[in-house]
Amino acid sequence: MSGNTKHVEYGEGKATVTLSRPLSIDGTKVPKIVMREPTVRDEMLARKTAGDGTGNEIILLANLCGLSEEDMKNMPLKDYRRLQEAFLGFLE
């Protein structure tokens, strides 16, 4: 796992991502998102679910964060990039 960054803090098997502004999820404002460490099974499931590969990453990140695909699609790109950063930290 990569070391902590300005927006991502790693713990045991998880990363806590601080958003640029709270995200509204089911009417609740959420300032941080916790991503669990990915497994091979997560990657396989995302590939199978996406079919042609379109949206593979969105499905994978949504699953790891316990979010819906719609939550991911409505997220500011700046915060989506933070989730990508957290994910890549698990691969280092």
Protein backbone atom coordinates (compact mmCIF):
# COMPACT_ATOMS: atom_id res chain seq x y z
CA MET A 1 0.00 0.00 0.00
CA SER A 2 1.11 3.50 -0.75
CA GLY A 3 1.71 5.96 2.05
CA ASN A 4 -0.89 8.47 3.08
CA THR A 5 -1.46 11.45 0.79
CA LYS A 6 -3.25 14.76 1.26
CA HIS A 7 -6.66 13.23 0.46
CA VAL A 8 -6.14 9.52 1.15
CA GLU A 9 -5.34 7.86 4.47
CA TYR A 10 -4.55 4.14 4.46
CA GLY A 11 -5.35 1.82 7.34
CA GLU A 12 -5.44 -1.94 7.68
CA GLY A 13 -7.11 -3.14 4.49
CA LYS A 14 -8.84 0.16 3.79
CA ALA A 15 -8.35 3.70 2.54
CA THR A 16 -10.30 6.71 3.76
CA VAL A 17 -10.77 9.33 1.05
CA THR A 18 -11.62 12.91 1.99
CA LEU A 19 -13.90 14.45 -0.63
CA SER A 20 -13.59 18.02 -1.93
CA ARG A 21 -17.13 18.58 -0.65
CA PRO A 22 -19.67 16.26 0.97
CA LEU A 23 -21.44 13.89 -1.41
CA SER A 24 -25.19 13.43 -0.98
CA ILE A 25 -25.96 9.72 -0.68
CA ASP A 26 -29.59 8.82 0.05
CA GLY A 27 -30.14 12.32 1.47
CA THR A 28 -27.12 12.15 3.79
CA LYS A 29 -24.08 14.38 3.27
CA VAL A 30 -20.94 12.20 3.34
CA PRO A 31 -17.56 14.02 3.68
CA LYS A 32 -15.38 10.90 3.46
CA ILE A 33 -15.61 7.57 1.69
CA VAL A 34 -13.99 4.38 2.93
CA MET A 35 -12.64 2.05 0.25
CA ARG A 36 -11.77 -1.51 1.16
CA GLU A 37 -8.73 -3.21 -0.28
CA PRO A 38 -9.51 -4.83 -3.65
CA THR A 39 -9.31 -8.56 -4.26
CA VAL A 40 -8.88 -10.56 -7.45
CA ARG A 41 -12.55 -11.53 -7.12
CA ASP A 42 -13.54 -7.84 -7.20
CA GLU A 43 -11.67 -7.36 -10.47
CA MET A 44 -13.23 -10.47 -11.99
CA LEU A 45 -16.75 -9.43 -10.94
CA ALA A 46 -16.33 -5.93 -12.37
CA ARG A 47 -15.13 -7.32 -15.70
CA LYS A 48 -18.00 -9.81 -15.86
CA THR A 49 -20.62 -7.22 -14.89
CA ALA A 50 -19.35 -4.59 -17.35
CA GLY A 51 -19.37 -7.08 -20.23
CA ASP A 52 -17.71 -5.12 -22.99
CA GLY A 53 -15.37 -3.35 -20.55
CA THR A 54 -17.26 -0.06 -20.54
CA GLY A 55 -17.70 1.09 -16.98
CA ASN A 56 -15.46 -1.62 -15.52
CA GLU A 57 -13.63 0.86 -13.29
CA ILE A 58 -16.82 2.56 -12.10
CA ILE A 59 -18.32 -0.81 -11.14
CA LEU A 60 -15.12 -1.83 -9.36
CA LEU A 61 -14.73 1.41 -7.39
CA ALA A 62 -18.44 1.53 -6.50
CA ASN A 63 -18.23 -2.01 -5.14
CA LEU A 64 -15.10 -1.27 -3.11
CA CYS A 65 -16.69 1.85 -1.61
CA GLY A 66 -20.17 0.45 -1.02
CA LEU A 67 -21.68 3.01 -3.42
CA SER A 68 -24.07 2.67 -6.31
CA GLU A 69 -22.97 3.23 -9.88
CA GLU A 70 -25.26 6.29 -9.95
CA ASP A 71 -23.50 7.73 -6.88
CA MET A 72 -20.21 7.32 -8.73
CA LYS A 73 -21.52 8.90 -11.93
CA ASN A 74 -22.90 11.92 -10.05
CA MET A 75 -19.65 12.47 -8.13
CA PRO A 76 -17.50 15.47 -9.08
CA LEU A 77 -14.62 14.35 -11.27
CA LYS A 78 -12.17 15.76 -8.73
CA ASP A 79 -13.44 13.31 -6.11
CA TYR A 80 -13.56 10.42 -8.57
CA ARG A 81 -9.86 11.06 -9.22
CA ARG A 82 -9.25 10.82 -5.47
CA LEU A 83 -10.89 7.39 -5.43
CA GLN A 84 -8.71 6.33 -8.36
CA GLU A 85 -5.66 7.52 -6.44
CA ALA A 86 -6.70 5.46 -3.41
CA PHE A 87 -7.24 2.38 -5.57
CA LEU A 88 -3.84 2.71 -7.23
CA GLY A 89 -2.24 3.00 -3.78
CA PHE A 90 -3.38 -0.55 -3.04
CA LEU A 91 -1.54 -1.78 -6.13
CA GLU A 92 1.87 -0.35 -5.21
